[in-house]
Protein backbone atom coordinates (compact mmCIF):
# COMPACT_ATOMS: atom_id res chain seq x y z
CA MET A 1 -60.45 193.31 -0.93
CA SER A 2 -61.22 189.94 -2.32
CA GLY A 3 -64.01 189.57 -4.98
CA TYR A 4 -64.76 185.95 -4.13
CA ILE A 5 -68.20 185.13 -3.04
CA GLY A 6 -68.25 183.74 0.42
CA ASN A 7 -70.63 182.28 3.04
CA PRO A 8 -70.30 184.98 5.93
CA GLY A 9 -73.66 183.78 7.43
CA TYR A 10 -72.79 179.99 7.40
CA VAL A 11 -74.17 178.09 10.24
CA HIS A 12 -71.82 175.20 11.48
CA GLY A 13 -73.56 171.93 11.64
CA SER A 14 -76.00 172.75 8.78
CA PRO A 15 -76.72 169.77 6.50
CA ALA A 16 -74.79 169.67 3.36
CA ARG A 17 -76.83 168.94 0.27
CA ILE A 18 -76.49 167.67 -3.25
CA GLY A 19 -77.36 170.26 -5.92
CA VAL A 20 -78.74 169.06 -9.30
CA MET A 21 -78.74 171.58 -12.08
CA LEU A 22 -80.72 170.91 -15.22
CA VAL A 23 -79.53 173.14 -18.10
CA ASN A 24 -81.29 173.69 -21.33
CA LEU A 25 -80.37 176.06 -24.28
CA GLY A 26 -82.58 178.93 -23.52
CA THR A 27 -85.33 181.21 -24.95
CA PRO A 28 -86.10 184.78 -25.45
CA ASP A 29 -88.10 186.39 -22.58
CA ALA A 30 -90.79 187.28 -25.08
CA PRO A 31 -91.51 186.84 -28.78
CA THR A 32 -90.59 190.31 -29.54
CA THR A 33 -87.75 191.74 -31.70
CA ALA A 34 -86.00 193.39 -28.89
CA ALA A 35 -86.15 190.30 -26.57
CA VAL A 36 -84.91 188.11 -29.42
CA ARG A 37 -82.10 190.45 -30.18
CA ARG A 38 -80.90 190.31 -26.54
CA TYR A 39 -81.07 186.49 -26.55
CA LEU A 40 -79.32 186.10 -29.86
CA ALA A 41 -76.52 188.54 -28.96
CA GLU A 42 -75.71 186.34 -25.99
CA PHE A 43 -76.16 183.01 -27.76
CA LEU A 44 -74.19 183.87 -30.83
CA TRP A 45 -71.41 185.48 -29.13
CA ASP A 46 -70.50 182.31 -27.39
CA ARG A 47 -67.11 181.10 -28.65
CA ARG A 48 -68.41 177.49 -28.26
CA VAL A 49 -71.21 178.17 -30.56
CA ILE A 50 -69.40 180.30 -33.24
CA GLU A 51 -65.70 179.44 -33.64
CA ALA A 52 -64.47 182.39 -35.63
CA PRO A 53 -62.01 185.37 -35.05
CA ARG A 54 -63.63 187.66 -32.54
CA VAL A 55 -63.10 190.99 -34.30
CA LEU A 56 -64.50 189.82 -37.54
CA TRP A 57 -67.44 187.91 -35.92
CA TRP A 58 -68.35 190.97 -33.85
CA LEU A 59 -68.64 192.98 -37.00
CA ILE A 60 -70.76 190.41 -38.68
CA LEU A 61 -72.92 189.73 -35.69
CA HIS A 62 -73.64 193.47 -34.83
CA GLY A 63 -73.27 194.82 -38.26
CA ILE A 64 -75.58 192.28 -40.14
CA ILE A 65 -77.08 189.49 -38.14
CA LEU A 66 -78.55 191.37 -35.22
CA ARG A 67 -79.96 193.99 -37.48
CA THR A 68 -82.00 191.47 -39.60
CA ARG A 69 -82.41 188.15 -37.89
CA PRO A 70 -84.40 189.19 -34.66
CA ARG A 71 -87.32 190.38 -36.60
CA ARG A 72 -87.63 187.15 -38.49
CA SER A 73 -87.05 184.98 -35.42
CA ALA A 74 -89.52 186.90 -33.31
CA HIS A 75 -92.11 186.16 -35.94
CA ALA A 76 -91.26 182.54 -35.80
CA TYR A 77 -91.54 182.52 -32.03
CA GLN A 78 -94.84 184.25 -32.17
CA LYS A 79 -96.23 181.16 -34.04
CA ILE A 80 -95.50 178.88 -31.15
CA TRP A 81 -95.71 181.15 -28.00
CA THR A 82 -98.33 180.15 -25.60
CA SER A 83 -100.34 182.37 -22.99
CA ALA A 84 -98.13 180.89 -20.38
CA GLY A 85 -94.85 181.68 -22.35
CA SER A 86 -92.19 179.92 -24.19
CA PRO A 87 -92.81 176.16 -24.82
CA LEU A 88 -89.16 175.37 -24.19
CA LEU A 89 -89.16 177.11 -20.80
CA LEU A 90 -92.53 175.62 -19.81
CA GLU A 91 -91.64 172.07 -20.56
CA SER A 92 -88.18 172.43 -19.02
CA ARG A 93 -89.71 173.77 -15.87
CA ALA A 94 -92.33 171.01 -15.66
CA LEU A 95 -89.52 168.41 -16.14
CA ALA A 96 -87.37 170.05 -13.46
CA ASP A 97 -90.35 170.26 -11.06
CA ALA A 98 -91.17 166.53 -11.54
CA VAL A 99 -87.49 165.57 -11.02
CA ARG A 100 -87.49 167.62 -7.89
CA ALA A 101 -90.52 165.98 -6.55
CA GLY A 102 -89.32 162.43 -7.27
CA LEU A 103 -85.86 163.03 -5.74
CA THR A 104 -87.31 164.77 -2.75
CA THR A 105 -89.50 161.63 -2.16
CA ARG A 106 -86.37 159.52 -2.27
CA LEU A 107 -83.82 161.74 -0.46
CA GLY A 108 -85.89 164.31 1.45
CA ASP A 109 -84.14 167.52 2.27
CA ARG A 110 -80.74 166.29 1.05
CA VAL A 111 -81.11 167.31 -2.52
CA ARG A 112 -81.90 170.54 -4.43
CA VAL A 113 -82.97 170.82 -8.09
CA GLU A 114 -82.67 173.81 -9.98
CA LEU A 115 -83.37 174.74 -13.63
CA ALA A 116 -81.09 177.06 -15.78
CA MET A 117 -80.70 178.17 -19.25
CA THR A 118 -77.33 178.60 -20.99
CA TYR A 119 -78.60 181.79 -22.57
CA GLY A 120 -81.34 183.95 -21.17
CA ASN A 121 -83.42 183.28 -18.00
CA PRO A 122 -83.31 181.66 -15.48
CA SER A 123 -79.59 182.18 -15.72
CA ILE A 124 -76.89 179.88 -14.70
CA ALA A 125 -75.56 182.41 -12.26
CA SER A 126 -78.95 182.78 -10.50
CA ALA A 127 -79.51 178.97 -10.26
CA LEU A 128 -76.03 178.45 -8.83
CA GLU A 129 -76.62 181.20 -6.38
CA ARG A 130 -79.85 179.59 -5.08
CA LEU A 131 -77.88 176.37 -4.56
CA ARG A 132 -75.01 178.03 -2.72
CA ARG A 133 -77.51 179.45 -0.35
CA ASP A 134 -78.89 176.07 0.30
CA ASN A 135 -75.40 174.83 1.42
CA VAL A 136 -74.97 172.66 -1.62
CA GLN A 137 -71.55 171.01 -1.30
CA ARG A 138 -71.78 168.61 -4.12
CA LEU A 139 -73.20 169.69 -7.53
CA LEU A 140 -74.32 167.43 -10.32
CA LEU A 141 -74.60 169.27 -13.66
CA LEU A 142 -77.21 167.70 -15.99
CA PRO A 143 -77.21 169.27 -19.49
CA MET A 144 -80.53 168.50 -21.32
CA TYR A 145 -78.58 167.12 -24.40
CA PRO A 146 -78.58 163.43 -24.93
CA GLN A 147 -75.72 163.76 -27.37
CA TYR A 148 -72.51 165.60 -26.27
CA SER A 149 -71.38 168.33 -28.47
CA ALA A 150 -68.74 171.17 -27.76
CA THR A 151 -71.45 173.69 -28.85
CA THR A 152 -73.77 172.63 -26.18
CA THR A 153 -72.60 170.58 -23.21
CA ALA A 154 -69.13 172.02 -23.29
CA ALA A 155 -70.67 175.54 -23.40
CA ILE A 156 -72.70 174.78 -20.26
CA PHE A 157 -69.57 173.47 -18.51
CA GLU A 158 -67.59 176.66 -19.30
CA ARG A 159 -70.21 178.93 -18.05
CA VAL A 160 -70.85 176.99 -14.92
CA THR A 161 -67.09 176.65 -14.02
CA ALA A 162 -66.68 180.36 -14.86
CA GLU A 163 -69.32 181.24 -12.29
CA LEU A 164 -67.95 178.75 -9.81
CA SER A 165 -64.47 180.12 -10.01
CA ARG A 166 -65.93 183.25 -8.29
CA TRP A 167 -66.89 181.22 -5.16
CA ARG A 168 -64.67 180.91 -2.26
CA TRP A 169 -65.95 177.40 -1.23
CA ILE A 170 -66.30 175.56 -4.58
CA PRO A 171 -68.58 172.43 -4.45
CA GLU A 172 -67.55 169.08 -5.79
CA LEU A 173 -68.65 168.87 -9.38
CA ARG A 174 -69.72 166.09 -11.63
CA VAL A 175 -71.11 166.37 -15.14
CA VAL A 176 -73.34 164.15 -17.08
CA ASN A 177 -71.65 164.48 -20.48
CA GLN A 178 -74.36 162.57 -22.48
CA TYR A 179 -77.03 159.92 -22.14
CA TRP A 180 -77.82 158.79 -25.55
CA ASP A 181 -76.46 155.30 -24.61
CA GLU A 182 -78.80 154.91 -21.71
CA ASP A 183 -81.23 152.05 -22.32
CA ALA A 184 -84.01 153.97 -20.67
CA TYR A 185 -83.53 156.92 -23.13
CA ILE A 186 -83.58 154.62 -26.19
CA ALA A 187 -86.62 152.83 -24.83
CA ALA A 188 -88.47 156.10 -24.16
CA LEU A 189 -87.78 157.37 -27.66
CA ALA A 190 -88.78 154.09 -29.35
CA ASP A 191 -91.96 153.81 -27.18
CA SER A 192 -93.02 157.35 -28.10
CA VAL A 193 -92.69 156.61 -31.74
CA GLU A 194 -94.59 153.21 -31.35
CA THR A 195 -97.38 154.97 -29.52
CA HIS A 196 -97.48 157.59 -32.10
CA TRP A 197 -97.71 154.96 -34.90
CA GLN A 198 -100.60 153.12 -33.09
CA ALA A 199 -102.64 156.27 -33.31
CA HIS A 200 -101.52 157.56 -36.68
CA GLY A 201 -100.24 154.75 -38.66
CA ARG A 202 -96.65 153.39 -39.41
CA LYS A 203 -94.59 155.42 -41.92
CA HIS A 204 -91.06 156.02 -42.88
CA LEU A 205 -89.08 157.26 -39.75
CA LEU A 206 -86.88 160.24 -40.29
CA PHE A 207 -84.63 161.12 -37.27
CA SER A 208 -83.81 164.91 -37.29
CA PHE A 209 -80.90 166.22 -35.19
CA HIS A 210 -79.80 169.88 -34.89
CA SER A 211 -76.78 170.29 -37.08
CA ILE A 212 -73.43 171.76 -36.40
CA PRO A 213 -70.67 173.03 -38.84
CA LYS A 214 -68.88 170.11 -40.46
CA ARG A 215 -65.54 171.66 -39.49
CA TYR A 216 -66.39 171.11 -35.84
CA PHE A 217 -66.85 167.50 -36.45
CA VAL A 218 -63.71 167.19 -38.54
CA ALA A 219 -61.81 168.90 -35.60
CA GLY A 220 -63.03 166.21 -33.22
CA ASP A 221 -66.49 166.84 -32.00
CA PRO A 222 -68.14 163.43 -31.49
CA TYR A 223 -71.66 164.69 -31.81
CA HIS A 224 -72.37 163.32 -35.33
CA CYS A 225 -71.26 159.85 -34.18
CA PHE A 226 -73.64 159.93 -31.11
CA CYS A 227 -76.53 161.11 -33.30
CA GLN A 228 -76.14 158.23 -35.77
CA ALA A 229 -75.81 155.70 -32.66
CA THR A 230 -78.98 157.05 -31.22
CA ALA A 231 -80.87 156.52 -34.48
CA ARG A 232 -79.50 152.94 -34.83
CA GLY A 233 -80.52 152.16 -31.33
CA VAL A 234 -84.08 153.38 -31.80
CA ALA A 235 -84.36 151.75 -35.09
CA ALA A 236 -83.10 148.35 -33.78
CA ARG A 237 -85.54 148.53 -30.81
CA LEU A 238 -88.38 149.14 -33.19
CA GLY A 239 -87.28 146.38 -35.48
CA LEU A 240 -86.89 148.61 -38.45
CA ALA A 241 -85.08 147.43 -41.75
CA ALA A 242 -82.52 149.65 -43.38
CA GLY A 243 -85.05 151.20 -45.85
CA GLU A 244 -87.53 152.17 -43.19
CA TRP A 245 -85.71 154.85 -41.43
CA SER A 246 -83.08 157.66 -42.24
CA VAL A 247 -81.14 160.48 -40.46
CA GLY A 248 -80.90 164.08 -41.23
CA PHE A 249 -79.66 167.44 -39.81
CA GLN A 250 -81.62 170.59 -39.23
CA SER A 251 -81.23 174.28 -38.32
CA ARG A 252 -77.94 175.22 -40.13
CA PHE A 253 -76.89 178.72 -40.06
CA GLY A 254 -74.73 180.78 -42.49
CA ARG A 255 -73.09 179.58 -45.77
CA GLU A 256 -70.49 177.03 -44.69
CA GLU A 257 -71.13 173.32 -44.88
CA TRP A 258 -72.87 171.71 -41.91
CA LEU A 259 -73.56 168.07 -41.07
CA LYS A 260 -75.51 166.37 -43.93
CA PRO A 261 -77.90 165.21 -45.20
CA TYR A 262 -80.01 168.40 -44.56
CA VAL A 263 -83.44 167.67 -43.53
CA ASP A 264 -85.29 170.24 -45.49
CA GLN A 265 -83.53 168.83 -48.66
CA LEU A 266 -84.27 165.27 -47.70
CA LEU A 267 -87.99 166.07 -47.31
CA HIS A 268 -87.91 167.95 -50.66
CA ASP A 269 -86.50 164.89 -52.42
CA TYR A 270 -88.94 162.57 -50.64
CA SER A 271 -91.85 164.59 -51.64
CA HIS A 272 -90.97 163.87 -55.23
CA GLN A 273 -89.44 160.47 -55.19
CA GLY A 274 -90.63 158.87 -52.04
CA PRO A 275 -91.05 157.82 -49.27
CA LYS A 276 -94.17 160.15 -49.43
CA ARG A 277 -95.38 159.31 -45.97
CA VAL A 278 -92.97 160.19 -43.17
CA THR A 279 -92.95 160.24 -39.30
CA LEU A 280 -90.34 162.64 -38.09
CA VAL A 281 -88.77 162.61 -34.56
CA CYS A 282 -86.19 164.99 -33.04
CA PRO A 283 -84.18 162.81 -30.47
CA GLY A 284 -81.61 165.45 -29.80
CA PHE A 285 -84.11 167.86 -28.11
CA ALA A 286 -85.22 167.03 -24.56
CA THR A 287 -88.20 169.44 -24.89
CA ASP A 288 -90.05 171.03 -27.78
CA CYS A 289 -88.81 174.36 -28.91
CA LEU A 290 -88.69 176.70 -31.89
CA GLU A 291 -86.65 174.22 -33.97
CA THR A 292 -89.08 171.23 -33.52
CA LEU A 293 -92.48 173.14 -33.31
CA GLU A 294 -91.95 175.99 -35.94
CA GLU A 295 -89.05 174.68 -38.15
CA ILE A 296 -89.96 171.13 -38.46
CA SER A 297 -93.74 170.69 -37.69
CA MET A 298 -94.74 173.99 -39.46
CA GLN A 299 -92.13 174.92 -42.13
CA ASN A 300 -90.94 171.53 -43.13
CA ARG A 301 -94.47 170.03 -42.88
CA GLU A 302 -95.84 172.68 -45.32
CA MET A 303 -93.03 172.32 -47.76
CA PHE A 304 -93.26 168.48 -47.84
CA LEU A 305 -96.96 168.40 -48.36
CA SER A 306 -97.05 171.25 -50.78
CA HIS A 307 -94.41 169.50 -53.04
CA GLY A 308 -96.09 166.18 -53.36
CA GLY A 309 -95.73 164.51 -49.94
CA GLU A 310 -98.76 162.61 -48.81
CA ALA A 311 -98.51 162.52 -44.99
CA PHE A 312 -96.30 164.22 -42.44
CA ASP A 313 -96.37 163.23 -38.75
CA TYR A 314 -94.34 164.87 -36.00
CA VAL A 315 -93.61 162.89 -32.75
CA PRO A 316 -93.35 165.38 -29.90
CA CYS A 317 -90.11 165.40 -27.67
CA LEU A 318 -90.20 163.43 -24.45
CA ASN A 319 -90.73 166.75 -22.70
CA SER A 320 -91.98 166.29 -19.08
CA THR A 321 -93.48 162.84 -19.63
CA GLY A 322 -93.14 160.12 -17.04
CA PRO A 323 -90.51 158.17 -19.08
CA GLN A 324 -88.22 161.21 -19.19
CA VAL A 325 -88.78 162.03 -15.61
CA SER A 326 -87.78 158.64 -14.67
CA LEU A 327 -84.70 158.75 -17.02
CA TYR A 328 -83.47 161.96 -15.27
CA GLU A 329 -84.06 160.65 -11.82
CA HIS A 330 -82.04 157.55 -12.88
CA LEU A 331 -79.18 159.73 -14.29
CA VAL A 332 -78.96 161.59 -10.92
CA LEU A 333 -78.89 158.64 -8.77
CA LYS A 334 -76.32 156.93 -11.05
CA HIS A 335 -73.92 159.84 -11.32
CA ALA A 336 -74.24 160.83 -7.59
CA GLN A 337 -73.20 157.35 -6.44
CA GLY A 338 -70.81 157.55 -3.42
CA TRP A 339 -71.89 160.90 -2.26
CA PRO A 340 -72.63 160.81 1.43
CA GLU A 341 -75.98 162.62 1.10
CA LEU A 342 -77.32 159.46 -0.66
CA ALA A 343 -76.63 157.27 2.35
CA ALA A 344 -79.43 156.49 4.63
CA GLY A 345 -79.33 157.41 8.38
CA ASP A 346 -79.78 160.42 10.55
CA ASP A 347 -76.60 162.52 10.86
CA ALA A 348 -78.05 165.19 13.11
CA PRO A 349 -76.17 164.05 16.21
CA ALA A 350 -72.75 164.31 14.30
CA ARG A 351 -73.77 167.70 12.97
CA ALA A 352 -74.78 168.99 16.38
CA ALA A 353 -71.51 167.90 17.82
CA ALA A 354 -69.57 169.51 15.02
CA ARG A 355 -71.38 172.64 15.69
CA GLU A 356 -70.55 172.52 19.29
CA ARG A 357 -66.78 172.10 18.66
CA ALA A 358 -66.97 175.01 16.09
CA LEU A 359 -68.60 177.23 18.67
CA ALA A 360 -66.11 176.35 21.36
CA MET A 361 -63.22 177.40 18.91
CA GLY A 362 -64.78 180.81 18.44
CA ALA A 363 -67.07 180.36 15.40
CA ARG A 364 -69.71 183.02 15.35
CA SER A 365 -72.53 180.61 14.19
């Protein structure tokens, strides 16, 4: 008996739809040690995230990391958790809801928007199942990562295609690999910094991107180049001179060398040697999360100010603000060009005729 997922209840003549799936990294279900352990076990076992021999890595992960890290991480999550839940999930959901509303206004019932997390909930499998039930025949995958990396965008692609490989009727698939080079994205980032400066004063601008192991970059991951290009684009739009901005990388893990310079070391040096007044922005994160709210805006702020820094400002991620909603709507319409669901017109008569033909040939519905 086949194990493929089919559509036994399919009704001929049903309108085909475009599915848009926004995918972020993920979050534990709760700021508890047990929930964080489940989340980290899934996240850190992904081959795209940790490229290491499986047997050795399994021993390290389960023998050391999952015995110690979950408690520390849970404590960090507790600092940022809200009464409504995880900031990353809340902002991701708000963004998806706003994009859904905007696309529905433009396209009516021809589009479905779902939010998924690469790790944790809502899962990729559950989001795809909802789209399958809505007769989605064309799927646009929109990873919420401006800069492509094999550790993020490619990880999403693998999980989505693995799930789709279980379907009998696979939808046409397109993927937004990155959007760091979109004018609307650069403009939104620059405007957010400028607005922040208008309220808090202009300072040295430090761009902080999530790091990856240096060996991934050496092996061909283009992420480092895209991060540098993003920072140059924003700095140019703001009219900054070379000495008025810098780039660093945060959130390294383990003992091997990651992309440098490390943000915490940069800030430590700045606190002693200057610039002693900094504005920090994290352009690689679509929504605020543990790495921006706790690591940057709490840990690094405290370290910088306690070692001699004079002012530390953090510019929030674009989150579910209007410019990011408009950007995502633009990305969907741009990458879905040519799909018939975007064309205007009423196809109900053609669908009705197709249904009659199918019924005449013996279809059950």
